[in-house]
Amino acid sequence: MEETIGQFAKRVGTTVRTLRYYDSIGLLQTKKRNTKGQKVYTHEEWERYQQILVCKHLGMSLEETKNLLEDLHISPQAMLQLQKRILKQKKK
């Protein structure tokens, strides 16, 4: 899967503006470009975007999310454990 920013935004249900902002702050940056020189989003960026959404729904700031995802290179299992821990804290 390789999609331009507009295609990717439509697929994940966000705006191009949001994706450009995430790129500018280093939260979601693409590594590939197509033959036209356009940034291309792949499955790797999709997975990262899903992690960003989880953090957002847990009430984390973009800065906290960025630090978490950069520092831990968190696995899906670890992300689930983090969600569980945060939800328990919020419940209290």
PDB file of N, CA and C in Angstrom:
ATOM      1  N   MET A   1       0.828  -1.175   0.000  1.00  0.00           N
ATOM      2  CA  MET A   1       0.000   0.000   0.000  1.00  0.00           C
ATOM      3  C   MET A   1       0.878   1.246   0.000  1.00  0.00           C
ATOM      4  N   GLU A   2       0.683   2.088  -0.933  1.00  0.00           N
ATOM      5  CA  GLU A   2       1.331   3.397  -0.967  1.00  0.00           C
ATOM      6  C   GLU A   2       0.291   4.409  -1.391  1.00  0.00           C
ATOM      7  N   GLU A   3       0.096   5.439  -0.549  1.00  0.00           N
ATOM      8  CA  GLU A   3      -0.924   6.434  -0.810  1.00  0.00           C
ATOM      9  C   GLU A   3      -0.344   7.829  -0.637  1.00  0.00           C
ATOM     10  N   THR A   4      -0.861   8.761  -1.430  1.00  0.00           N
ATOM     11  CA  THR A   4      -0.482  10.160  -1.251  1.00  0.00           C
ATOM     12  C   THR A   4      -1.187  10.686  -0.004  1.00  0.00           C
ATOM     13  N   ILE A   5      -0.841  11.874   0.401  1.00  0.00           N
ATOM     14  CA  ILE A   5      -1.392  12.444   1.631  1.00  0.00           C
ATOM     15  C   ILE A   5      -2.913  12.555   1.572  1.00  0.00           C
ATOM     16  N   GLY A   6      -3.467  12.949   0.424  1.00  0.00           N
ATOM     17  CA  GLY A   6      -4.916  13.078   0.297  1.00  0.00           C
ATOM     18  C   GLY A   6      -5.625  11.743   0.407  1.00  0.00           C
ATOM     19  N   GLN A   7      -5.081  10.736  -0.240  1.00  0.00           N
ATOM     20  CA  GLN A   7      -5.665   9.395  -0.177  1.00  0.00           C
ATOM     21  C   GLN A   7      -5.609   8.848   1.245  1.00  0.00           C
ATOM     22  N   PHE A   8      -4.459   9.037   1.883  1.00  0.00           N
ATOM     23  CA  PHE A   8      -4.275   8.536   3.245  1.00  0.00           C
ATOM     24  C   PHE A   8      -5.222   9.244   4.205  1.00  0.00           C
ATOM     25  N   ALA A   9      -5.335  10.566   4.077  1.00  0.00           N
ATOM     26  CA  ALA A   9      -6.227  11.335   4.949  1.00  0.00           C
ATOM     27  C   ALA A   9      -7.659  10.828   4.835  1.00  0.00           C
ATOM     28  N   LYS A  10      -8.086  10.579   3.619  1.00  0.00           N
ATOM     29  CA  LYS A  10      -9.446  10.090   3.403  1.00  0.00           C
ATOM     30  C   LYS A  10      -9.631   8.712   4.030  1.00  0.00           C
ATOM     31  N   ARG A  11      -8.642   7.857   3.889  1.00  0.00           N
ATOM     32  CA  ARG A  11      -8.754   6.489   4.404  1.00  0.00           C
ATOM     33  C   ARG A  11      -8.804   6.445   5.924  1.00  0.00           C
ATOM     34  N   VAL A  12      -8.017   7.306   6.580  1.00  0.00           N
ATOM     35  CA  VAL A  12      -7.991   7.266   8.048  1.00  0.00           C
ATOM     36  C   VAL A  12      -8.994   8.218   8.690  1.00  0.00           C
ATOM     37  N   GLY A  13      -9.684   9.012   7.874  1.00  0.00           N
ATOM     38  CA  GLY A  13     -10.720   9.892   8.402  1.00  0.00           C
ATOM     39  C   GLY A  13     -10.206  11.142   9.069  1.00  0.00           C
ATOM     40  N   THR A  14      -9.168  11.733   8.504  1.00  0.00           N
ATOM     41  CA  THR A  14      -8.638  12.985   9.033  1.00  0.00           C
ATOM     42  C   THR A  14      -8.452  13.960   7.872  1.00  0.00           C
ATOM     43  N   THR A  15      -7.809  15.066   8.140  1.00  0.00           N
ATOM     44  CA  THR A  15      -7.597  16.062   7.097  1.00  0.00           C
ATOM     45  C   THR A  15      -6.132  16.092   6.678  1.00  0.00           C
ATOM     46  N   VAL A  16      -5.909  16.600   5.478  1.00  0.00           N
ATOM     47  CA  VAL A  16      -4.547  16.786   4.994  1.00  0.00           C
ATOM     48  C   VAL A  16      -3.821  17.762   5.917  1.00  0.00           C
ATOM     49  N   ARG A  17      -4.531  18.770   6.362  1.00  0.00           N
ATOM     50  CA  ARG A  17      -3.936  19.765   7.267  1.00  0.00           C
ATOM     51  C   ARG A  17      -3.406  19.109   8.546  1.00  0.00           C
ATOM     52  N   THR A  18      -4.178  18.196   9.111  1.00  0.00           N
ATOM     53  CA  THR A  18      -3.742  17.488  10.316  1.00  0.00           C
ATOM     54  C   THR A  18      -2.488  16.680  10.047  1.00  0.00           C
ATOM     55  N   LEU A  19      -2.475  15.958   8.934  1.00  0.00           N
ATOM     56  CA  LEU A  19      -1.299  15.150   8.594  1.00  0.00           C
ATOM     57  C   LEU A  19      -0.073  16.027   8.376  1.00  0.00           C
ATOM     58  N   ARG A  20      -0.255  17.162   7.736  1.00  0.00           N
ATOM     59  CA  ARG A  20       0.885  18.079   7.534  1.00  0.00           C
ATOM     60  C   ARG A  20       1.379  18.622   8.867  1.00  0.00           C
ATOM     61  N   TYR A  21       0.464  18.905   9.779  1.00  0.00           N
ATOM     62  CA  TYR A  21       0.865  19.372  11.103  1.00  0.00           C
ATOM     63  C   TYR A  21       1.636  18.285  11.844  1.00  0.00           C
ATOM     64  N   TYR A  22       1.123  17.058  11.823  1.00  0.00           N
ATOM     65  CA  TYR A  22       1.823  15.948  12.466  1.00  0.00           C
ATOM     66  C   TYR A  22       3.224  15.777  11.875  1.00  0.00           C
ATOM     67  N   ASP A  23       3.351  15.974  10.578  1.00  0.00           N
ATOM     68  CA  ASP A  23       4.651  15.893   9.919  1.00  0.00           C
ATOM     69  C   ASP A  23       5.567  17.011  10.417  1.00  0.00           C
ATOM     70  N   SER A  24       5.036  18.224  10.513  1.00  0.00           N
ATOM     71  CA  SER A  24       5.859  19.379  10.906  1.00  0.00           C
ATOM     72  C   SER A  24       6.386  19.273  12.331  1.00  0.00           C
ATOM     73  N   ILE A  25       5.636  18.594  13.217  1.00  0.00           N
ATOM     74  CA  ILE A  25       6.098  18.447  14.605  1.00  0.00           C
ATOM     75  C   ILE A  25       6.843  17.133  14.829  1.00  0.00           C
ATOM     76  N   GLY A  26       6.997  16.350  13.759  1.00  0.00           N
ATOM     77  CA  GLY A  26       7.754  15.105  13.863  1.00  0.00           C
ATOM     78  C   GLY A  26       6.981  13.941  14.445  1.00  0.00           C
ATOM     79  N   LEU A  27       5.671  14.050  14.492  1.00  0.00           N
ATOM     80  CA  LEU A  27       4.852  12.984  15.063  1.00  0.00           C
ATOM     81  C   LEU A  27       4.577  11.865  14.066  1.00  0.00           C
ATOM     82  N   LEU A  28       4.331  12.228  12.814  1.00  0.00           N
ATOM     83  CA  LEU A  28       4.040  11.238  11.776  1.00  0.00           C
ATOM     84  C   LEU A  28       4.707  11.698  10.487  1.00  0.00           C
ATOM     85  N   GLN A  29       5.902  11.185  10.250  1.00  0.00           N
ATOM     86  CA  GLN A  29       6.654  11.565   9.064  1.00  0.00           C
ATOM     87  C   GLN A  29       6.803  10.370   8.141  1.00  0.00           C
ATOM     88  N   THR A  30       6.676  10.653   6.846  1.00  0.00           N
ATOM     89  CA  THR A  30       6.825   9.583   5.862  1.00  0.00           C
ATOM     90  C   THR A  30       8.287   9.432   5.488  1.00  0.00           C
ATOM     91  N   LYS A  31       8.634   8.230   5.070  1.00  0.00           N
ATOM     92  CA  LYS A  31      10.023   7.959   4.689  1.00  0.00           C
ATOM     93  C   LYS A  31      10.170   7.774   3.187  1.00  0.00           C
ATOM     94  N   LYS A  32       9.051   7.517   2.509  1.00  0.00           N
ATOM     95  CA  LYS A  32       9.109   7.215   1.080  1.00  0.00           C
ATOM     96  C   LYS A  32       8.520   8.348   0.251  1.00  0.00           C
ATOM     97  N   ARG A  33       8.956   8.381  -1.001  1.00  0.00           N
ATOM     98  CA  ARG A  33       8.396   9.311  -1.982  1.00  0.00           C
ATOM     99  C   ARG A  33       8.120   8.536  -3.258  1.00  0.00           C
ATOM    100  N   ASN A  34       7.105   8.976  -3.995  1.00  0.00           N
ATOM    101  CA  ASN A  34       6.805   8.312  -5.262  1.00  0.00           C
ATOM    102  C   ASN A  34       7.661   8.912  -6.383  1.00  0.00           C
ATOM    103  N   THR A  35       7.435   8.479  -7.592  1.00  0.00           N
ATOM    104  CA  THR A  35       8.251   8.943  -8.724  1.00  0.00           C
ATOM    105  C   THR A  35       8.049  10.428  -9.010  1.00  0.00           C
ATOM    106  N   LYS A  36       6.940  11.001  -8.538  1.00  0.00           N
ATOM    107  CA  LYS A  36       6.677  12.433  -8.714  1.00  0.00           C
ATOM    108  C   LYS A  36       7.291  13.271  -7.586  1.00  0.00           C
ATOM    109  N   GLY A  37       7.906  12.594  -6.631  1.00  0.00           N
ATOM    110  CA  GLY A  37       8.519  13.290  -5.503  1.00  0.00           C
ATOM    111  C   GLY A  37       7.567  13.563  -4.354  1.00  0.00           C
ATOM    112  N   GLN A  38       6.345  13.063  -4.444  1.00  0.00           N
ATOM    113  CA  GLN A  38       5.361  13.259  -3.388  1.00  0.00           C
ATOM    114  C   GLN A  38       5.615  12.295  -2.234  1.00  0.00           C
ATOM    115  N   LYS A  39       5.338  12.768  -1.024  1.00  0.00           N
ATOM    116  CA  LYS A  39       5.426  11.882   0.131  1.00  0.00           C
ATOM    117  C   LYS A  39       4.375  10.795  -0.008  1.00  0.00           C
ATOM    118  N   VAL A  40       4.761   9.587   0.372  1.00  0.00           N
ATOM    119  CA  VAL A  40       3.874   8.444   0.243  1.00  0.00           C
ATOM    120  C   VAL A  40       3.706   7.792   1.615  1.00  0.00           C
ATOM    121  N   TYR A  41       2.461   7.531   1.968  1.00  0.00           N
ATOM    122  CA  TYR A  41       2.140   6.872   3.223  1.00  0.00           C
ATOM    123  C   TYR A  41       2.003   5.376   2.982  1.00  0.00           C
ATOM    124  N   THR A  42       2.607   4.594   3.870  1.00  0.00           N
ATOM    125  CA  THR A  42       2.609   3.133   3.748  1.00  0.00           C
ATOM    126  C   THR A  42       1.928   2.516   4.974  1.00  0.00           C
ATOM    127  N   HIS A  43       1.956   1.213   5.041  1.00  0.00           N
ATOM    128  CA  HIS A  43       1.375   0.502   6.187  1.00  0.00           C
ATOM    129  C   HIS A  43       2.055   0.919   7.494  1.00  0.00           C
ATOM    130  N   GLU A  44       3.324   1.221   7.429  1.00  0.00           N
ATOM    131  CA  GLU A  44       4.064   1.656   8.625  1.00  0.00           C
ATOM    132  C   GLU A  44       3.481   2.955   9.196  1.00  0.00           C
ATOM    133  N   GLU A  45       3.187   3.912   8.313  1.00  0.00           N
ATOM    134  CA  GLU A  45       2.593   5.168   8.767  1.00  0.00           C
ATOM    135  C   GLU A  45       1.162   4.937   9.271  1.00  0.00           C
ATOM    136  N   TRP A  46       0.448   4.010   8.643  1.00  0.00           N
ATOM    137  CA  TRP A  46      -0.901   3.688   9.090  1.00  0.00           C
ATOM    138  C   TRP A  46      -0.861   3.152  10.521  1.00  0.00           C
ATOM    139  N   GLU A  47       0.083   2.247  10.804  1.00  0.00           N
ATOM    140  CA  GLU A  47       0.212   1.695  12.152  1.00  0.00           C
ATOM    141  C   GLU A  47       0.532   2.795  13.163  1.00  0.00           C
ATOM    142  N   ARG A  48       1.429   3.678  12.791  1.00  0.00           N
ATOM    143  CA  ARG A  48       1.789   4.783  13.695  1.00  0.00           C
ATOM    144  C   ARG A  48       0.584   5.693  13.925  1.00  0.00           C
ATOM    145  N   TYR A  49      -0.168   5.963  12.866  1.00  0.00           N
ATOM    146  CA  TYR A  49      -1.359   6.802  13.004  1.00  0.00           C
ATOM    147  C   TYR A  49      -2.353   6.159  13.976  1.00  0.00           C
ATOM    148  N   GLN A  50      -2.504   4.854  13.915  1.00  0.00           N
ATOM    149  CA  GLN A  50      -3.408   4.152  14.827  1.00  0.00           C
ATOM    150  C   GLN A  50      -2.936   4.315  16.271  1.00  0.00           C
ATOM    151  N   GLN A  51      -1.630   4.262  16.490  1.00  0.00           N
ATOM    152  CA  GLN A  51      -1.092   4.469  17.838  1.00  0.00           C
ATOM    153  C   GLN A  51      -1.351   5.895  18.308  1.00  0.00           C
ATOM    154  N   ILE A  52      -1.234   6.854  17.396  1.00  0.00           N
ATOM    155  CA  ILE A  52      -1.515   8.257  17.731  1.00  0.00           C
ATOM    156  C   ILE A  52      -2.977   8.398  18.160  1.00  0.00           C
ATOM    157  N   LEU A  53      -3.880   7.748  17.421  1.00  0.00           N
ATOM    158  CA  LEU A  53      -5.304   7.810  17.763  1.00  0.00           C
ATOM    159  C   LEU A  53      -5.578   7.238  19.143  1.00  0.00           C
ATOM    160  N   VAL A  54      -4.937   6.125  19.458  1.00  0.00           N
ATOM    161  CA  VAL A  54      -5.123   5.514  20.774  1.00  0.00           C
ATOM    162  C   VAL A  54      -4.702   6.498  21.857  1.00  0.00           C
ATOM    163  N   CYS A  55      -3.543   7.092  21.687  1.00  0.00           N
ATOM    164  CA  CYS A  55      -3.052   8.066  22.674  1.00  0.00           C
ATOM    165  C   CYS A  55      -3.993   9.259  22.784  1.00  0.00           C
ATOM    166  N   LYS A  56      -4.497   9.712  21.654  1.00  0.00           N
ATOM    167  CA  LYS A  56      -5.428  10.842  21.641  1.00  0.00           C
ATOM    168  C   LYS A  56      -6.692  10.495  22.423  1.00  0.00           C
ATOM    169  N   HIS A  57      -7.234   9.324  22.201  1.00  0.00           N
ATOM    170  CA  HIS A  57      -8.448   8.906  22.907  1.00  0.00           C
ATOM    171  C   HIS A  57      -8.210   8.688  24.395  1.00  0.00           C
ATOM    172  N   LEU A  58      -6.971   8.449  24.756  1.00  0.00           N
ATOM    173  CA  LEU A  58      -6.628   8.295  26.173  1.00  0.00           C
ATOM    174  C   LEU A  58      -6.363   9.637  26.843  1.00  0.00           C
ATOM    175  N   GLY A  59      -6.463  10.717  26.063  1.00  0.00           N
ATOM    176  CA  GLY A  59      -6.298  12.054  26.627  1.00  0.00           C
ATOM    177  C   GLY A  59      -4.878  12.563  26.667  1.00  0.00           C
ATOM    178  N   MET A  60      -3.980  11.907  25.973  1.00  0.00           N
ATOM    179  CA  MET A  60      -2.589  12.346  25.956  1.00  0.00           C
ATOM    180  C   MET A  60      -2.411  13.514  24.994  1.00  0.00           C
ATOM    181  N   SER A  61      -1.509  14.416  25.317  1.00  0.00           N
ATOM    182  CA  SER A  61      -1.202  15.532  24.422  1.00  0.00           C
ATOM    183  C   SER A  61      -0.359  15.017  23.255  1.00  0.00           C
ATOM    184  N   LEU A  62      -0.256  15.827  22.217  1.00  0.00           N
ATOM    185  CA  LEU A  62       0.568  15.425  21.077  1.00  0.00           C
ATOM    186  C   LEU A  62       2.029  15.290  21.487  1.00  0.00           C
ATOM    187  N   GLU A  63       2.484  16.151  22.371  1.00  0.00           N
ATOM    188  CA  GLU A  63       3.872  16.079  22.843  1.00  0.00           C
ATOM    189  C   GLU A  63       4.104  14.790  23.629  1.00  0.00           C
ATOM    190  N   GLU A  64       3.167  14.440  24.508  1.00  0.00           N
ATOM    191  CA  GLU A  64       3.276  13.189  25.261  1.00  0.00           C
ATOM    192  C   GLU A  64       3.262  11.990  24.316  1.00  0.00           C
ATOM    193  N   THR A  65       2.392  12.055  23.328  1.00  0.00           N
ATOM    194  CA  THR A  65       2.291  10.973  22.352  1.00  0.00           C
ATOM    195  C   THR A  65       3.597  10.822  21.591  1.00  0.00           C
ATOM    196  N   LYS A  66       4.134  11.932  21.134  1.00  0.00           N
ATOM    197  CA  LYS A  66       5.393  11.908  20.383  1.00  0.00           C
ATOM    198  C   LYS A  66       6.508  11.300  21.228  1.00  0.00           C
ATOM    199  N   ASN A  67       6.623  11.755  22.462  1.00  0.00           N
ATOM    200  CA  ASN A  67       7.671  11.242  23.354  1.00  0.00           C
ATOM    201  C   ASN A  67       7.499   9.749  23.608  1.00  0.00           C
ATOM    202  N   LEU A  68       6.273   9.329  23.841  1.00  0.00           N
ATOM    203  CA  LEU A  68       6.001   7.910  24.090  1.00  0.00           C
ATOM    204  C   LEU A  68       6.392   7.069  22.882  1.00  0.00           C
ATOM    205  N   LEU A  69       5.943   7.466  21.708  1.00  0.00           N
ATOM    206  CA  LEU A  69       6.191   6.660  20.513  1.00  0.00           C
ATOM    207  C   LEU A  69       7.659   6.689  20.093  1.00  0.00           C
ATOM    208  N   GLU A  70       8.353   7.794  20.342  1.00  0.00           N
ATOM    209  CA  GLU A  70       9.776   7.872  20.003  1.00  0.00           C
ATOM    210  C   GLU A  70      10.632   7.089  20.984  1.00  0.00           C
ATOM    211  N   ASP A  71      10.324   7.226  22.255  1.00  0.00           N
ATOM    212  CA  ASP A  71      11.167   6.615  23.279  1.00  0.00           C
ATOM    213  C   ASP A  71      11.005   5.103  23.357  1.00  0.00           C
ATOM    214  N   LEU A  72       9.806   4.630  23.186  1.00  0.00           N
ATOM    215  CA  LEU A  72       9.563   3.221  23.428  1.00  0.00           C
ATOM    216  C   LEU A  72       9.515   2.354  22.185  1.00  0.00           C
ATOM    217  N   HIS A  73       9.257   2.943  21.040  1.00  0.00           N
ATOM    218  CA  HIS A  73       8.987   2.144  19.834  1.00  0.00           C
ATOM    219  C   HIS A  73       8.063   1.001  20.247  1.00  0.00           C
ATOM    220  N   ILE A  74       6.952   1.391  20.753  1.00  0.00           N
ATOM    221  CA  ILE A  74       6.034   0.517  21.476  1.00  0.00           C
ATOM    222  C   ILE A  74       5.387  -0.534  20.564  1.00  0.00           C
ATOM    223  N   SER A  75       5.317  -1.736  21.066  1.00  0.00           N
ATOM    224  CA  SER A  75       4.686  -2.837  20.331  1.00  0.00           C
ATOM    225  C   SER A  75       3.174  -2.772  20.530  1.00  0.00           C
ATOM    226  N   PRO A  76       2.424  -3.447  19.685  1.00  0.00           N
ATOM    227  CA  PRO A  76       0.969  -3.467  19.877  1.00  0.00           C
ATOM    228  C   PRO A  76       0.555  -4.006  21.253  1.00  0.00           C
ATOM    229  N   GLN A  77       1.253  -5.013  21.727  1.00  0.00           N
ATOM    230  CA  GLN A  77       0.930  -5.576  23.043  1.00  0.00           C
ATOM    231  C   GLN A  77       1.220  -4.570  24.154  1.00  0.00           C
ATOM    232  N   ALA A  78       2.336  -3.887  24.037  1.00  0.00           N
ATOM    233  CA  ALA A  78       2.680  -2.890  25.045  1.00  0.00           C
ATOM    234  C   ALA A  78       1.693  -1.725  25.014  1.00  0.00           C
ATOM    235  N   MET A  79       1.214  -1.366  23.820  1.00  0.00           N
ATOM    236  CA  MET A  79       0.230  -0.294  23.695  1.00  0.00           C
ATOM    237  C   MET A  79      -1.070  -0.687  24.390  1.00  0.00           C
ATOM    238  N   LEU A  80      -1.463  -1.941  24.252  1.00  0.00           N
ATOM    239  CA  LEU A  80      -2.670  -2.407  24.937  1.00  0.00           C
ATOM    240  C   LEU A  80      -2.501  -2.357  26.453  1.00  0.00           C
ATOM    241  N   GLN A  81      -1.346  -2.736  26.944  1.00  0.00           N
ATOM    242  CA  GLN A  81      -1.082  -2.670  28.387  1.00  0.00           C
ATOM    243  C   GLN A  81      -1.119  -1.227  28.875  1.00  0.00           C
ATOM    244  N   LEU A  82      -0.555  -0.320  28.077  1.00  0.00           N
ATOM    245  CA  LEU A  82      -0.574   1.101  28.428  1.00  0.00           C
ATOM    246  C   LEU A  82      -2.009   1.612  28.480  1.00  0.00           C
ATOM    247  N   GLN A  83      -2.808   1.246  27.496  1.00  0.00           N
ATOM    248  CA  GLN A  83      -4.218   1.651  27.477  1.00  0.00           C
ATOM    249  C   GLN A  83      -4.924   1.183  28.740  1.00  0.00           C
ATOM    250  N   LYS A  84      -4.715  -0.059  29.074  1.00  0.00           N
ATOM    251  CA  LYS A  84      -5.350  -0.647  30.251  1.00  0.00           C
ATOM    252  C   LYS A  84      -4.958   0.114  31.518  1.00  0.00           C
ATOM    253  N   ARG A  85      -3.671   0.408  31.649  1.00  0.00           N
ATOM    254  CA  ARG A  85      -3.174   1.113  32.833  1.00  0.00           C
ATOM    255  C   ARG A  85      -3.762   2.529  32.918  1.00  0.00           C
ATOM    256  N   ILE A  86      -3.796   3.241  31.799  1.00  0.00           N
ATOM    257  CA  ILE A  86      -4.322   4.597  31.787  1.00  0.00           C
ATOM    258  C   ILE A  86      -5.812   4.613  32.082  1.00  0.00           C
ATOM    259  N   LEU A  87      -6.547   3.674  31.496  1.00  0.00           N
ATOM    260  CA  LEU A  87      -7.988   3.601  31.748  1.00  0.00           C
ATOM    261  C   LEU A  87      -8.285   3.304  33.220  1.00  0.00           C
ATOM    262  N   LYS A  88      -7.484   2.447  33.832  1.00  0.00           N
ATOM    263  CA  LYS A  88      -7.672   2.162  35.253  1.00  0.00           C
ATOM    264  C   LYS A  88      -7.410   3.399  36.099  1.00  0.00           C
ATOM    265  N   GLN A  89      -6.364   4.168  35.719  1.00  0.00           N
ATOM    266  CA  GLN A  89      -6.053   5.396  36.459  1.00  0.00           C
ATOM    267  C   GLN A  89      -7.184   6.408  36.317  1.00  0.00           C
ATOM    268  N   LYS A  90      -7.741   6.526  35.121  1.00  0.00           N
ATOM    269  CA  LYS A  90      -8.832   7.466  34.901  1.00  0.00           C
ATOM    270  C   LYS A  90     -10.089   7.053  35.658  1.00  0.00           C
ATOM    271  N   LYS A  91     -10.313   5.765  35.776  1.00  0.00           N
ATOM    272  CA  LYS A  91     -11.487   5.264  36.465  1.00  0.00           C
ATOM    273  C   LYS A  91     -11.449   5.634  37.953  1.00  0.00           C
ATOM    274  N   LYS A  92     -10.244   5.616  38.517  1.00  0.00           N
ATOM    275  CA  LYS A  92     -10.091   5.976  39.944  1.00  0.00           C
ATOM    276  C   LYS A  92     -10.376   7.436  40.093  1.00  0.00           C
TER     277      LYS A  92
END
